[in-house]
Amino acid sequence: MAKDLVCGWEIDERTTNYYTVYKGKTYYFCSAGCRERFEKEPQKYLKK
């Protein structure tokens, strides 16, 4: 399981359709909205 850094939900990385790669690391999300928010300001969410 992975944590959605935007909303905090636990995400099954094997089944989610929402992910992005940032600086060589893959991040998983619960929805397209959370993924888009992360992609706009990744450093904001990585500092949490």
N, C-alpha and C. Protein backbone atom coordinates (compact mmCIF):
# COMPACT_ATOMS: atom_id res chain seq x y z
N MET A 1 0.84 -1.18 0.00
CA MET A 1 0.00 0.00 0.00
C MET A 1 0.89 1.25 0.00
N ALA A 2 0.38 2.27 -0.65
CA ALA A 2 1.07 3.55 -0.71
C ALA A 2 0.14 4.63 -0.17
N LYS A 3 0.71 5.72 0.29
CA LYS A 3 -0.10 6.82 0.82
C LYS A 3 -0.23 7.91 -0.24
N ASP A 4 -1.45 8.34 -0.49
CA ASP A 4 -1.70 9.48 -1.36
C ASP A 4 -1.24 10.71 -0.59
N LEU A 5 -0.22 11.38 -1.07
CA LEU A 5 0.36 12.51 -0.35
C LEU A 5 -0.55 13.74 -0.31
N VAL A 6 -1.56 13.77 -1.15
CA VAL A 6 -2.46 14.92 -1.18
C VAL A 6 -3.57 14.77 -0.15
N CYS A 7 -4.27 13.65 -0.16
CA CYS A 7 -5.42 13.48 0.74
C CYS A 7 -5.15 12.56 1.92
N GLY A 8 -4.07 11.79 1.85
CA GLY A 8 -3.71 10.92 2.96
C GLY A 8 -4.28 9.52 2.92
N TRP A 9 -5.07 9.20 1.92
CA TRP A 9 -5.66 7.86 1.83
C TRP A 9 -4.59 6.83 1.53
N GLU A 10 -4.85 5.60 1.94
CA GLU A 10 -3.99 4.47 1.59
C GLU A 10 -4.45 3.96 0.22
N ILE A 11 -3.49 3.81 -0.68
CA ILE A 11 -3.78 3.43 -2.06
C ILE A 11 -3.08 2.12 -2.39
N ASP A 12 -3.80 1.22 -3.04
CA ASP A 12 -3.19 -0.02 -3.52
C ASP A 12 -2.53 0.29 -4.86
N GLU A 13 -1.21 0.33 -4.85
CA GLU A 13 -0.50 0.72 -6.07
C GLU A 13 -0.65 -0.28 -7.21
N ARG A 14 -1.12 -1.47 -6.90
CA ARG A 14 -1.33 -2.48 -7.95
C ARG A 14 -2.63 -2.26 -8.71
N THR A 15 -3.57 -1.51 -8.13
CA THR A 15 -4.88 -1.36 -8.77
C THR A 15 -5.24 0.07 -9.17
N THR A 16 -4.54 1.06 -8.63
CA THR A 16 -4.89 2.44 -8.97
C THR A 16 -4.49 2.79 -10.40
N ASN A 17 -5.26 3.64 -11.01
CA ASN A 17 -4.96 4.14 -12.35
C ASN A 17 -4.26 5.49 -12.29
N TYR A 18 -4.05 6.00 -11.09
CA TYR A 18 -3.54 7.36 -10.93
C TYR A 18 -2.17 7.36 -10.26
N TYR A 19 -1.18 7.72 -11.04
CA TYR A 19 0.19 7.79 -10.51
C TYR A 19 0.99 8.74 -11.37
N THR A 20 2.12 9.17 -10.83
CA THR A 20 3.03 10.03 -11.57
C THR A 20 4.44 9.73 -11.10
N VAL A 21 5.42 10.05 -11.94
CA VAL A 21 6.82 9.88 -11.58
C VAL A 21 7.41 11.27 -11.41
N TYR A 22 8.03 11.48 -10.27
CA TYR A 22 8.68 12.77 -9.98
C TYR A 22 10.08 12.48 -9.47
N LYS A 23 11.06 13.04 -10.15
CA LYS A 23 12.48 12.84 -9.79
C LYS A 23 12.82 11.37 -9.63
N GLY A 24 12.31 10.54 -10.54
CA GLY A 24 12.64 9.13 -10.56
C GLY A 24 11.86 8.25 -9.59
N LYS A 25 10.95 8.82 -8.81
CA LYS A 25 10.15 8.04 -7.86
C LYS A 25 8.69 8.09 -8.27
N THR A 26 8.00 6.95 -8.14
CA THR A 26 6.59 6.87 -8.49
C THR A 26 5.73 7.17 -7.27
N TYR A 27 4.73 8.03 -7.47
CA TYR A 27 3.77 8.39 -6.42
C TYR A 27 2.38 7.99 -6.90
N TYR A 28 1.58 7.47 -5.97
CA TYR A 28 0.26 6.93 -6.30
C TYR A 28 -0.83 7.79 -5.66
N PHE A 29 -1.98 7.86 -6.36
CA PHE A 29 -3.07 8.74 -5.93
C PHE A 29 -4.41 8.04 -6.04
N CYS A 30 -5.39 8.56 -5.29
CA CYS A 30 -6.74 7.97 -5.29
C CYS A 30 -7.57 8.46 -6.47
N SER A 31 -7.19 9.61 -7.04
CA SER A 31 -8.00 10.19 -8.12
C SER A 31 -7.14 11.07 -9.02
N ALA A 32 -7.71 11.42 -10.16
CA ALA A 32 -7.02 12.33 -11.08
C ALA A 32 -6.83 13.69 -10.43
N GLY A 33 -7.78 14.11 -9.61
CA GLY A 33 -7.69 15.41 -8.94
C GLY A 33 -6.50 15.49 -8.00
N CYS A 34 -6.29 14.46 -7.20
CA CYS A 34 -5.14 14.45 -6.29
C CYS A 34 -3.84 14.42 -7.09
N ARG A 35 -3.81 13.65 -8.15
CA ARG A 35 -2.60 13.58 -8.98
C ARG A 35 -2.30 14.95 -9.59
N GLU A 36 -3.31 15.64 -10.09
CA GLU A 36 -3.11 16.96 -10.69
C GLU A 36 -2.62 17.97 -9.67
N ARG A 37 -3.17 17.93 -8.46
CA ARG A 37 -2.73 18.86 -7.42
C ARG A 37 -1.26 18.61 -7.08
N PHE A 38 -0.87 17.34 -6.99
CA PHE A 38 0.53 17.01 -6.71
C PHE A 38 1.43 17.49 -7.84
N GLU A 39 1.04 17.25 -9.08
CA GLU A 39 1.88 17.62 -10.22
C GLU A 39 2.07 19.14 -10.33
N LYS A 40 1.12 19.91 -9.87
CA LYS A 40 1.24 21.38 -9.91
C LYS A 40 2.23 21.89 -8.87
N GLU A 41 2.27 21.24 -7.69
CA GLU A 41 3.12 21.70 -6.59
C GLU A 41 3.71 20.51 -5.82
N PRO A 42 4.55 19.71 -6.46
CA PRO A 42 5.05 18.50 -5.77
C PRO A 42 5.80 18.79 -4.48
N GLN A 43 6.59 19.84 -4.44
CA GLN A 43 7.36 20.13 -3.24
C GLN A 43 6.47 20.45 -2.04
N LYS A 44 5.31 21.03 -2.29
CA LYS A 44 4.35 21.32 -1.21
C LYS A 44 3.94 20.03 -0.50
N TYR A 45 3.68 18.98 -1.27
CA TYR A 45 3.21 17.73 -0.70
C TYR A 45 4.33 16.84 -0.19
N LEU A 46 5.51 16.99 -0.72
CA LEU A 46 6.63 16.19 -0.25
C LEU A 46 7.16 16.69 1.09
N LYS A 47 6.88 17.93 1.44
CA LYS A 47 7.35 18.49 2.71
C LYS A 47 6.49 18.07 3.89
N LYS A 48 5.30 17.54 3.64
CA LYS A 48 4.38 17.16 4.72
C LYS A 48 4.94 16.00 5.52
